[in-house]
PDB file of N, CA and C in Angstrom:
ATOM      1  N   UNK A   1     119.857  69.154 108.626  1.00  0.00           N
ATOM      2  CA  UNK A   1     120.623  68.049 107.889  1.00  0.00           C
ATOM      3  C   UNK A   1     121.696  68.298 107.801  1.00  0.00           C
ATOM      4  N   UNK A   2     122.618  69.324 107.813  1.00  0.00           N
ATOM      5  CA  UNK A   2     124.096  69.547 108.146  1.00  0.00           C
ATOM      6  C   UNK A   2     124.549  68.777 108.800  1.00  0.00           C
ATOM      7  N   UNK A   3     124.095  68.242 109.982  1.00  0.00           N
ATOM      8  CA  UNK A   3     124.731  67.580 110.946  1.00  0.00           C
ATOM      9  C   UNK A   3     124.214  65.994 110.950  1.00  0.00           C
ATOM     10  N   UNK A   4     123.541  65.966 110.014  1.00  0.00           N
ATOM     11  CA  UNK A   4     122.645  64.348 110.151  1.00  0.00           C
ATOM     12  C   UNK A   4     123.739  63.582 109.570  1.00  0.00           C
ATOM     13  N   UNK A   5     124.015  62.401 110.354  1.00  0.00           N
ATOM     14  CA  UNK A   5     125.178  61.210 109.944  1.00  0.00           C
ATOM     15  C   UNK A   5     124.816  60.742 108.779  1.00  0.00           C
ATOM     16  N   UNK A   6     123.714  60.755 108.308  1.00  0.00           N
ATOM     17  CA  UNK A   6     123.508  60.005 107.125  1.00  0.00           C
ATOM     18  C   UNK A   6     123.652  60.846 105.661  1.00  0.00           C
ATOM     19  N   UNK A   7     123.503  62.062 105.753  1.00  0.00           N
ATOM     20  CA  UNK A   7     123.475  62.808 104.885  1.00  0.00           C
ATOM     21  C   UNK A   7     124.257  64.340 104.826  1.00  0.00           C
ATOM     22  N   UNK A   8     124.452  64.747 106.075  1.00  0.00           N
ATOM     23  CA  UNK A   8     125.061  65.899 106.110  1.00  0.00           C
ATOM     24  C   UNK A   8     126.662  66.032 105.388  1.00  0.00           C
ATOM     25  N   UNK A   9     127.276  64.691 105.164  1.00  0.00           N
ATOM     26  CA  UNK A   9     128.387  64.972 104.217  1.00  0.00           C
ATOM     27  C   UNK A   9     128.169  65.611 102.835  1.00  0.00           C
ATOM     28  N   UNK A  10     127.007  65.313 102.484  1.00  0.00           N
ATOM     29  CA  UNK A  10     126.546  65.683 101.392  1.00  0.00           C
ATOM     30  C   UNK A  10     126.821  67.668 100.873  1.00  0.00           C
ATOM     31  N   UNK A  11     126.760  68.025 102.224  1.00  0.00           N
ATOM     32  CA  UNK A  11     126.396  69.524 102.224  1.00  0.00           C
ATOM     33  C   UNK A  11     127.937  70.089 102.836  1.00  0.00           C
ATOM     34  N   UNK A  12     128.955  69.145 103.128  1.00  0.00           N
ATOM     35  CA  UNK A  12     130.082  69.814 103.581  1.00  0.00           C
ATOM     36  C   UNK A  12     130.989  71.214 103.043  1.00  0.00           C
ATOM     37  N   UNK A  13     130.714  70.988 101.783  1.00  0.00           N
ATOM     38  CA  UNK A  13     131.314  71.941 100.983  1.00  0.00           C
ATOM     39  C   UNK A  13     130.459  73.154 100.680  1.00  0.00           C
ATOM     40  N   UNK A  14     129.011  73.078 101.155  1.00  0.00           N
ATOM     41  CA  UNK A  14     128.142  74.455 100.765  1.00  0.00           C
ATOM     42  C   UNK A  14     128.152  74.988 101.907  1.00  0.00           C
ATOM     43  N   UNK A  15     127.640  76.463 101.640  1.00  0.00           N
ATOM     44  CA  UNK A  15     127.389  77.087 102.456  1.00  0.00           C
ATOM     45  C   UNK A  15     125.943  77.049 103.454  1.00  0.00           C
ATOM     46  N   UNK A  16     126.202  76.767 104.321  1.00  0.00           N
ATOM     47  CA  UNK A  16     124.948  76.427 105.360  1.00  0.00           C
ATOM     48  C   UNK A  16     123.830  77.715 105.344  1.00  0.00           C
ATOM     49  N   UNK A  17     124.244  79.151 105.063  1.00  0.00           N
ATOM     50  CA  UNK A  17     123.630  79.795 104.867  1.00  0.00           C
ATOM     51  C   UNK A  17     123.133  80.011 103.804  1.00  0.00           C
ATOM     52  N   UNK A  18     123.686  80.090 102.667  1.00  0.00           N
ATOM     53  CA  UNK A  18     122.867  80.144 101.271  1.00  0.00           C
ATOM     54  C   UNK A  18     121.957  78.906 101.075  1.00  0.00           C
ATOM     55  N   UNK A  19     122.445  77.965 101.428  1.00  0.00           N
ATOM     56  CA  UNK A  19     121.377  76.547 101.166  1.00  0.00           C
ATOM     57  C   UNK A  19     119.821  76.925 102.069  1.00  0.00           C
ATOM     58  N   UNK A  20     119.904  77.388 103.183  1.00  0.00           N
ATOM     59  CA  UNK A  20     118.897  77.681 103.918  1.00  0.00           C
ATOM     60  C   UNK A  20     118.295  78.926 103.318  1.00  0.00           C
ATOM     61  N   UNK A  21     118.896  79.820 102.840  1.00  0.00           N
ATOM     62  CA  UNK A  21     118.407  81.081 102.390  1.00  0.00           C
ATOM     63  C   UNK A  21     117.351  80.459 100.973  1.00  0.00           C
ATOM     64  N   UNK A  22     118.071  79.649 100.280  1.00  0.00           N
ATOM     65  CA  UNK A  22     117.656  79.290  98.888  1.00  0.00           C
ATOM     66  C   UNK A  22     116.249  78.378  99.470  1.00  0.00           C
ATOM     67  N   UNK A  23     116.354  77.626 100.060  1.00  0.00           N
ATOM     68  CA  UNK A  23     115.363  76.578 100.857  1.00  0.00           C
ATOM     69  C   UNK A  23     114.100  77.547 100.971  1.00  0.00           C
ATOM     70  N   UNK A  24     114.276  78.460 102.055  1.00  0.00           N
ATOM     71  CA  UNK A  24     113.461  79.468 102.323  1.00  0.00           C
ATOM     72  C   UNK A  24     112.781  80.234 100.894  1.00  0.00           C
ATOM     73  N   UNK A  25     113.575  80.700 100.237  1.00  0.00           N
ATOM     74  CA  UNK A  25     112.991  81.096  99.052  1.00  0.00           C
ATOM     75  C   UNK A  25     112.113  80.602  98.110  1.00  0.00           C
ATOM     76  N   UNK A  26     112.836  78.899  97.786  1.00  0.00           N
ATOM     77  CA  UNK A  26     111.866  77.640  97.264  1.00  0.00           C
ATOM     78  C   UNK A  26     110.483  77.598  97.977  1.00  0.00           C
ATOM     79  N   UNK A  27     110.402  77.517  99.182  1.00  0.00           N
ATOM     80  CA  UNK A  27     109.227  77.043 100.029  1.00  0.00           C
ATOM     81  C   UNK A  27     108.272  78.321 100.145  1.00  0.00           C
ATOM     82  N   UNK A  28     108.870  79.666 100.233  1.00  0.00           N
ATOM     83  CA  UNK A  28     108.086  80.945 100.253  1.00  0.00           C
ATOM     84  C   UNK A  28     107.078  80.914  99.066  1.00  0.00           C
ATOM     85  N   UNK A  29     108.075  81.040  97.814  1.00  0.00           N
ATOM     86  CA  UNK A  29     107.466  81.565  96.739  1.00  0.00           C
ATOM     87  C   UNK A  29     106.356  80.230  96.159  1.00  0.00           C
ATOM     88  N   UNK A  30     106.630  79.203  96.415  1.00  0.00           N
ATOM     89  CA  UNK A  30     105.516  78.092  96.067  1.00  0.00           C
ATOM     90  C   UNK A  30     104.406  77.977  96.982  1.00  0.00           C
ATOM     91  N   UNK A  31     104.702  78.351  98.152  1.00  0.00           N
ATOM     92  CA  UNK A  31     103.394  78.440  99.136  1.00  0.00           C
ATOM     93  C   UNK A  31     102.637  79.909  99.221  1.00  0.00           C
ATOM     94  N   UNK A  32     103.306  80.733  98.578  1.00  0.00           N
ATOM     95  CA  UNK A  32     102.583  81.941  98.295  1.00  0.00           C
ATOM     96  C   UNK A  32     103.150  83.041  99.216  1.00  0.00           C
ATOM     97  N   UNK A  33     104.109  82.959  99.801  1.00  0.00           N
ATOM     98  CA  UNK A  33     104.941  83.974 100.714  1.00  0.00           C
ATOM     99  C   UNK A  33     105.049  85.299 100.000  1.00  0.00           C
ATOM    100  N   UNK A  34     105.086  85.470  98.639  1.00  0.00           N
ATOM    101  CA  UNK A  34     105.538  86.774  97.893  1.00  0.00           C
ATOM    102  C   UNK A  34     107.058  86.725  98.170  1.00  0.00           C
ATOM    103  N   UNK A  35     107.620  86.059  98.028  1.00  0.00           N
ATOM    104  CA  UNK A  35     109.134  85.691  97.923  1.00  0.00           C
ATOM    105  C   UNK A  35     109.070  85.315  96.938  1.00  0.00           C
ATOM    106  N   UNK A  36     110.525  85.802  96.102  1.00  0.00           N
ATOM    107  CA  UNK A  36     111.144  84.989  94.555  1.00  0.00           C
ATOM    108  C   UNK A  36     112.071  84.299  95.212  1.00  0.00           C
ATOM    109  N   UNK A  37     112.092  82.938  94.388  1.00  0.00           N
ATOM    110  CA  UNK A  37     113.499  82.168  94.402  1.00  0.00           C
ATOM    111  C   UNK A  37     114.401  82.682  93.526  1.00  0.00           C
ATOM    112  N   UNK A  38     115.401  83.083  93.868  1.00  0.00           N
ATOM    113  CA  UNK A  38     116.658  83.808  93.165  1.00  0.00           C
ATOM    114  C   UNK A  38     118.006  82.870  92.953  1.00  0.00           C
ATOM    115  N   UNK A  39     117.540  81.397  93.278  1.00  0.00           N
ATOM    116  CA  UNK A  39     118.592  80.595  92.845  1.00  0.00           C
ATOM    117  C   UNK A  39     118.525  79.901  91.491  1.00  0.00           C
ATOM    118  N   UNK A  40     119.851  79.008  91.170  1.00  0.00           N
ATOM    119  CA  UNK A  40     119.678  78.468  89.985  1.00  0.00           C
ATOM    120  C   UNK A  40     118.843  77.557  89.869  1.00  0.00           C
ATOM    121  N   UNK A  41     118.568  76.731  88.786  1.00  0.00           N
ATOM    122  CA  UNK A  41     117.130  76.000  88.436  1.00  0.00           C
ATOM    123  C   UNK A  41     117.920  74.608  89.295  1.00  0.00           C
ATOM    124  N   UNK A  42     116.716  74.241  89.927  1.00  0.00           N
ATOM    125  CA  UNK A  42     117.724  72.858  90.934  1.00  0.00           C
ATOM    126  C   UNK A  42     118.251  71.770  90.087  1.00  0.00           C
ATOM    127  N   UNK A  43     117.830  71.229  88.869  1.00  0.00           N
ATOM    128  CA  UNK A  43     118.390  70.449  88.185  1.00  0.00           C
ATOM    129  C   UNK A  43     120.004  70.824  88.035  1.00  0.00           C
ATOM    130  N   UNK A  44     120.229  72.234  87.393  1.00  0.00           N
ATOM    131  CA  UNK A  44     121.621  72.491  87.394  1.00  0.00           C
ATOM    132  C   UNK A  44     122.285  72.530  88.469  1.00  0.00           C
ATOM    133  N   UNK A  45     121.726  73.173  90.007  1.00  0.00           N
ATOM    134  CA  UNK A  45     121.984  73.079  91.069  1.00  0.00           C
ATOM    135  C   UNK A  45     123.008  71.780  91.726  1.00  0.00           C
ATOM    136  N   UNK A  46     122.099  70.926  91.269  1.00  0.00           N
ATOM    137  CA  UNK A  46     122.304  69.377  91.787  1.00  0.00           C
ATOM    138  C   UNK A  46     123.104  68.419  91.235  1.00  0.00           C
ATOM    139  N   UNK A  47     123.155  68.710  89.687  1.00  0.00           N
ATOM    140  CA  UNK A  47     123.695  68.196  88.755  1.00  0.00           C
ATOM    141  C   UNK A  47     124.979  67.541  89.124  1.00  0.00           C
ATOM    142  N   UNK A  48     125.659  68.447  89.603  1.00  0.00           N
ATOM    143  CA  UNK A  48     127.345  67.793  90.034  1.00  0.00           C
ATOM    144  C   UNK A  48     127.129  66.970  91.157  1.00  0.00           C
ATOM    145  N   UNK A  49     126.408  66.701  91.680  1.00  0.00           N
ATOM    146  CA  UNK A  49     126.157  65.837  92.803  1.00  0.00           C
ATOM    147  C   UNK A  49     125.824  64.529  92.949  1.00  0.00           C
ATOM    148  N   UNK A  50     126.183  63.383  93.176  1.00  0.00           N
ATOM    149  CA  UNK A  50     125.540  62.209  93.399  1.00  0.00           C
ATOM    150  C   UNK A  50     124.939  61.635  94.250  1.00  0.00           C
ATOM    151  N   UNK A  51     123.819  62.267  94.225  1.00  0.00           N
ATOM    152  CA  UNK A  51     122.693  62.307  95.327  1.00  0.00           C
ATOM    153  C   UNK A  51     121.642  61.185  94.820  1.00  0.00           C
ATOM    154  N   UNK A  52     121.562  60.344  95.721  1.00  0.00           N
ATOM    155  CA  UNK A  52     121.092  58.971  95.781  1.00  0.00           C
ATOM    156  C   UNK A  52     119.351  59.052  96.433  1.00  0.00           C
ATOM    157  N   UNK A  53     118.512  58.110  95.848  1.00  0.00           N
ATOM    158  CA  UNK A  53     117.227  58.133  96.434  1.00  0.00           C
ATOM    159  C   UNK A  53     117.192  58.065  97.735  1.00  0.00           C
ATOM    160  N   UNK A  54     117.880  57.227  98.567  1.00  0.00           N
ATOM    161  CA  UNK A  54     117.793  57.051 100.208  1.00  0.00           C
ATOM    162  C   UNK A  54     118.027  58.337 100.729  1.00  0.00           C
ATOM    163  N   UNK A  55     119.031  58.896 100.016  1.00  0.00           N
ATOM    164  CA  UNK A  55     119.563  60.006 100.627  1.00  0.00           C
ATOM    165  C   UNK A  55     118.389  61.496 100.341  1.00  0.00           C
ATOM    166  N   UNK A  56     117.655  61.406  99.478  1.00  0.00           N
ATOM    167  CA  UNK A  56     116.812  62.467  99.084  1.00  0.00           C
ATOM    168  C   UNK A  56     115.549  61.919 100.055  1.00  0.00           C
ATOM    169  N   UNK A  57     114.948  60.597 100.405  1.00  0.00           N
ATOM    170  CA  UNK A  57     114.390  60.140 101.353  1.00  0.00           C
ATOM    171  C   UNK A  57     114.740  60.469 102.673  1.00  0.00           C
ATOM    172  N   UNK A  58     116.081  60.698 102.994  1.00  0.00           N
ATOM    173  CA  UNK A  58     116.444  60.681 104.476  1.00  0.00           C
ATOM    174  C   UNK A  58     115.795  62.526 104.693  1.00  0.00           C
ATOM    175  N   UNK A  59     116.295  63.328 103.665  1.00  0.00           N
ATOM    176  CA  UNK A  59     116.200  64.743 103.694  1.00  0.00           C
ATOM    177  C   UNK A  59     114.530  65.087 103.974  1.00  0.00           C
ATOM    178  N   UNK A  60     113.781  64.407 103.335  1.00  0.00           N
ATOM    179  CA  UNK A  60     112.277  64.285 103.574  1.00  0.00           C
ATOM    180  C   UNK A  60     112.135  64.050 104.957  1.00  0.00           C
ATOM    181  N   UNK A  61     112.674  63.055 105.265  1.00  0.00           N
ATOM    182  CA  UNK A  61     112.336  62.540 106.754  1.00  0.00           C
ATOM    183  C   UNK A  61     112.574  63.776 107.866  1.00  0.00           C
ATOM    184  N   UNK A  62     113.900  64.432 107.503  1.00  0.00           N
ATOM    185  CA  UNK A  62     114.189  65.724 108.305  1.00  0.00           C
ATOM    186  C   UNK A  62     113.191  67.045 107.921  1.00  0.00           C
ATOM    187  N   UNK A  63     112.987  67.138 106.887  1.00  0.00           N
ATOM    188  CA  UNK A  63     112.282  68.321 106.664  1.00  0.00           C
ATOM    189  C   UNK A  63     110.885  68.172 107.237  1.00  0.00           C
ATOM    190  N   UNK A  64     110.084  66.900 107.105  1.00  0.00           N
ATOM    191  CA  UNK A  64     108.993  66.393 108.002  1.00  0.00           C
ATOM    192  C   UNK A  64     109.088  66.714 109.514  1.00  0.00           C
ATOM    193  N   UNK A  65     110.375  65.767 110.420  1.00  0.00           N
ATOM    194  CA  UNK A  65     110.473  66.326 111.658  1.00  0.00           C
ATOM    195  C   UNK A  65     110.469  67.756 111.919  1.00  0.00           C
ATOM    196  N   UNK A  66     111.726  68.703 110.927  1.00  0.00           N
ATOM    197  CA  UNK A  66     111.803  70.020 111.394  1.00  0.00           C
ATOM    198  C   UNK A  66     110.099  70.617 111.054  1.00  0.00           C
ATOM    199  N   UNK A  67     109.448  70.514 110.151  1.00  0.00           N
ATOM    200  CA  UNK A  67     107.974  71.465 110.094  1.00  0.00           C
ATOM    201  C   UNK A  67     107.334  71.027 111.382  1.00  0.00           C
ATOM    202  N   UNK A  68     107.191  69.532 111.871  1.00  0.00           N
ATOM    203  CA  UNK A  68     106.403  69.188 112.619  1.00  0.00           C
ATOM    204  C   UNK A  68     106.703  69.974 113.922  1.00  0.00           C
ATOM    205  N   UNK A  69     108.146  69.949 114.418  1.00  0.00           N
ATOM    206  CA  UNK A  69     108.741  70.455 115.408  1.00  0.00           C
ATOM    207  C   UNK A  69     108.308  71.982 115.660  1.00  0.00           C
ATOM    208  N   UNK A  70     108.258  72.737 114.104  1.00  0.00           N
ATOM    209  CA  UNK A  70     108.289  74.068 114.018  1.00  0.00           C
ATOM    210  C   UNK A  70     106.740  74.437 114.347  1.00  0.00           C
ATOM    211  N   UNK A  71     105.783  73.332 114.365  1.00  0.00           N
ATOM    212  CA  UNK A  71     104.554  73.501 114.774  1.00  0.00           C
ATOM    213  C   UNK A  71     103.519  74.116 113.315  1.00  0.00           C
ATOM    214  N   UNK A  72     104.227  73.528 112.216  1.00  0.00           N
ATOM    215  CA  UNK A  72     103.659  74.069 110.783  1.00  0.00           C
ATOM    216  C   UNK A  72     102.369  73.264 110.569  1.00  0.00           C
ATOM    217  N   UNK A  73     101.390  73.749 110.129  1.00  0.00           N
ATOM    218  CA  UNK A  73      99.911  73.095 110.124  1.00  0.00           C
ATOM    219  C   UNK A  73     100.030  71.953 109.295  1.00  0.00           C
ATOM    220  N   UNK A  74      99.456  70.693 109.653  1.00  0.00           N
ATOM    221  CA  UNK A  74      99.556  69.612 108.811  1.00  0.00           C
ATOM    222  C   UNK A  74      99.442  69.511 107.238  1.00  0.00           C
ATOM    223  N   UNK A  75      98.526  70.537 106.856  1.00  0.00           N
ATOM    224  CA  UNK A  75      98.131  70.550 105.444  1.00  0.00           C
ATOM    225  C   UNK A  75      99.406  71.006 104.722  1.00  0.00           C
ATOM    226  N   UNK A  76      99.929  72.086 105.447  1.00  0.00           N
ATOM    227  CA  UNK A  76     101.243  72.610 104.906  1.00  0.00           C
ATOM    228  C   UNK A  76     102.296  71.818 104.895  1.00  0.00           C
ATOM    229  N   UNK A  77     102.152  70.833 105.727  1.00  0.00           N
ATOM    230  CA  UNK A  77     103.598  70.090 105.935  1.00  0.00           C
ATOM    231  C   UNK A  77     103.106  69.049 104.771  1.00  0.00           C
ATOM    232  N   UNK A  78     102.020  68.582 104.423  1.00  0.00           N
ATOM    233  CA  UNK A  78     101.738  67.286 103.403  1.00  0.00           C
ATOM    234  C   UNK A  78     101.983  68.007 102.367  1.00  0.00           C
ATOM    235  N   UNK A  79     101.411  69.267 101.918  1.00  0.00           N
ATOM    236  CA  UNK A  79     101.454  70.030 100.840  1.00  0.00           C
ATOM    237  C   UNK A  79     103.313  70.062 100.236  1.00  0.00           C
ATOM    238  N   UNK A  80     104.083  70.794 101.186  1.00  0.00           N
ATOM    239  CA  UNK A  80     105.051  70.951 100.840  1.00  0.00           C
ATOM    240  C   UNK A  80     106.022  69.727 100.447  1.00  0.00           C
ATOM    241  N   UNK A  81     105.773  68.448 101.364  1.00  0.00           N
ATOM    242  CA  UNK A  81     106.371  67.478 101.275  1.00  0.00           C
ATOM    243  C   UNK A  81     106.269  66.726  99.683  1.00  0.00           C
ATOM    244  N   UNK A  82     104.796  66.767  99.392  1.00  0.00           N
ATOM    245  CA  UNK A  82     104.418  66.415  98.062  1.00  0.00           C
ATOM    246  C   UNK A  82     104.731  67.014  96.843  1.00  0.00           C
ATOM    247  N   UNK A  83     105.158  68.500  97.319  1.00  0.00           N
ATOM    248  CA  UNK A  83     105.844  69.306  96.222  1.00  0.00           C
ATOM    249  C   UNK A  83     107.068  68.751  96.191  1.00  0.00           C
ATOM    250  N   UNK A  84     107.781  68.683  97.449  1.00  0.00           N
ATOM    251  CA  UNK A  84     109.125  68.505  97.531  1.00  0.00           C
ATOM    252  C   UNK A  84     109.350  66.965  96.522  1.00  0.00           C
ATOM    253  N   UNK A  85     108.591  66.061  96.658  1.00  0.00           N
ATOM    254  CA  UNK A  85     108.558  64.713  96.575  1.00  0.00           C
ATOM    255  C   UNK A  85     108.444  64.651  94.512  1.00  0.00           C
ATOM    256  N   UNK A  86     107.744  66.011  94.089  1.00  0.00           N
ATOM    257  CA  UNK A  86     107.717  66.116  92.680  1.00  0.00           C
ATOM    258  C   UNK A  86     109.064  66.341  92.074  1.00  0.00           C
ATOM    259  N   UNK A  87     110.012  66.985  93.005  1.00  0.00           N
ATOM    260  CA  UNK A  87     111.047  67.594  92.713  1.00  0.00           C
ATOM    261  C   UNK A  87     112.285  66.549  92.607  1.00  0.00           C
ATOM    262  N   UNK A  88     112.182  65.307  92.929  1.00  0.00           N
ATOM    263  CA  UNK A  88     113.189  64.119  93.025  1.00  0.00           C
ATOM    264  C   UNK A  88     113.951  64.108  91.520  1.00  0.00           C
ATOM    265  N   UNK A  89     113.318  64.114  90.886  1.00  0.00           N
ATOM    266  CA  UNK A  89     113.883  63.991  89.335  1.00  0.00           C
ATOM    267  C   UNK A  89     114.894  64.913  88.977  1.00  0.00           C
ATOM    268  N   UNK A  90     114.486  66.186  89.795  1.00  0.00           N
ATOM    269  CA  UNK A  90     115.818  67.332  89.507  1.00  0.00           C
ATOM    270  C   UNK A  90     116.721  67.147  90.376  1.00  0.00           C
ATOM    271  N   UNK A  91     116.625  66.384  91.408  1.00  0.00           N
ATOM    272  CA  UNK A  91     117.869  66.193  92.646  1.00  0.00           C
ATOM    273  C   UNK A  91     118.495  65.253  92.417  1.00  0.00           C
ATOM    274  N   UNK A  92     118.127  64.253  92.340  1.00  0.00           N
ATOM    275  CA  UNK A  92     118.917  62.775  92.394  1.00  0.00           C
ATOM    276  C   UNK A  92     119.219  62.613  90.806  1.00  0.00           C
ATOM    277  N   UNK A  93     120.546  61.801  91.177  1.00  0.00           N
ATOM    278  CA  UNK A  93     121.107  61.317  89.506  1.00  0.00           C
ATOM    279  C   UNK A  93     120.567  60.565  88.890  1.00  0.00           C
ATOM    280  N   UNK A  94     120.575  60.515  87.750  1.00  0.00           N
ATOM    281  CA  UNK A  94     120.124  59.744  86.711  1.00  0.00           C
ATOM    282  C   UNK A  94     120.484  58.288  87.199  1.00  0.00           C
ATOM    283  N   UNK A  95     121.498  57.920  87.713  1.00  0.00           N
ATOM    284  CA  UNK A  95     121.944  56.628  87.975  1.00  0.00           C
ATOM    285  C   UNK A  95     121.696  56.201  89.331  1.00  0.00           C
ATOM    286  N   UNK A  96     121.135  57.129  90.090  1.00  0.00           N
ATOM    287  CA  UNK A  96     120.820  56.665  91.528  1.00  0.00           C
ATOM    288  C   UNK A  96     119.861  55.699  91.685  1.00  0.00           C
ATOM    289  N   UNK A  97     120.217  54.672  92.606  1.00  0.00           N
ATOM    290  CA  UNK A  97     119.350  53.420  92.558  1.00  0.00           C
ATOM    291  C   UNK A  97     119.233  53.069  94.007  1.00  0.00           C
ATOM    292  N   UNK A  98     119.848  53.713  95.051  1.00  0.00           N
ATOM    293  CA  UNK A  98     119.691  53.804  96.426  1.00  0.00           C
ATOM    294  C   UNK A  98     118.503  54.233  96.829  1.00  0.00           C
ATOM    295  N   UNK A  99     117.573  53.484  97.685  1.00  0.00           N
ATOM    296  CA  UNK A  99     116.084  54.163  97.950  1.00  0.00           C
ATOM    297  C   UNK A  99     115.881  53.299  99.019  1.00  0.00           C
ATOM    298  N   UNK A 100     115.073  53.739  99.966  1.00  0.00           N
ATOM    299  CA  UNK A 100     113.939  53.077 101.255  1.00  0.00           C
ATOM    300  C   UNK A 100     113.024  52.366 101.097  1.00  0.00           C
TER     301      UNK A 100
END
């Protein structure tokens, strides 16, 4: 997602290593991997950023493709994407109107 022409700029000031680590922790904790998420609450982390609905949707597309390419079972993919969709209101801004 860092190199994606549609959303990569959103992450230009972020530590790619930290983002990847926190994404891993969040997924592993939710999926029962025995890992604890050590990041700040999602709403707090994303509040300073003007993330739009369409950008959130693009990230979901990238996530799906990445999981498919990694050979994740389809049930895990659908579960993780469904859970991620539930986090939408914590990630996008209140005034974010753009969606696909």
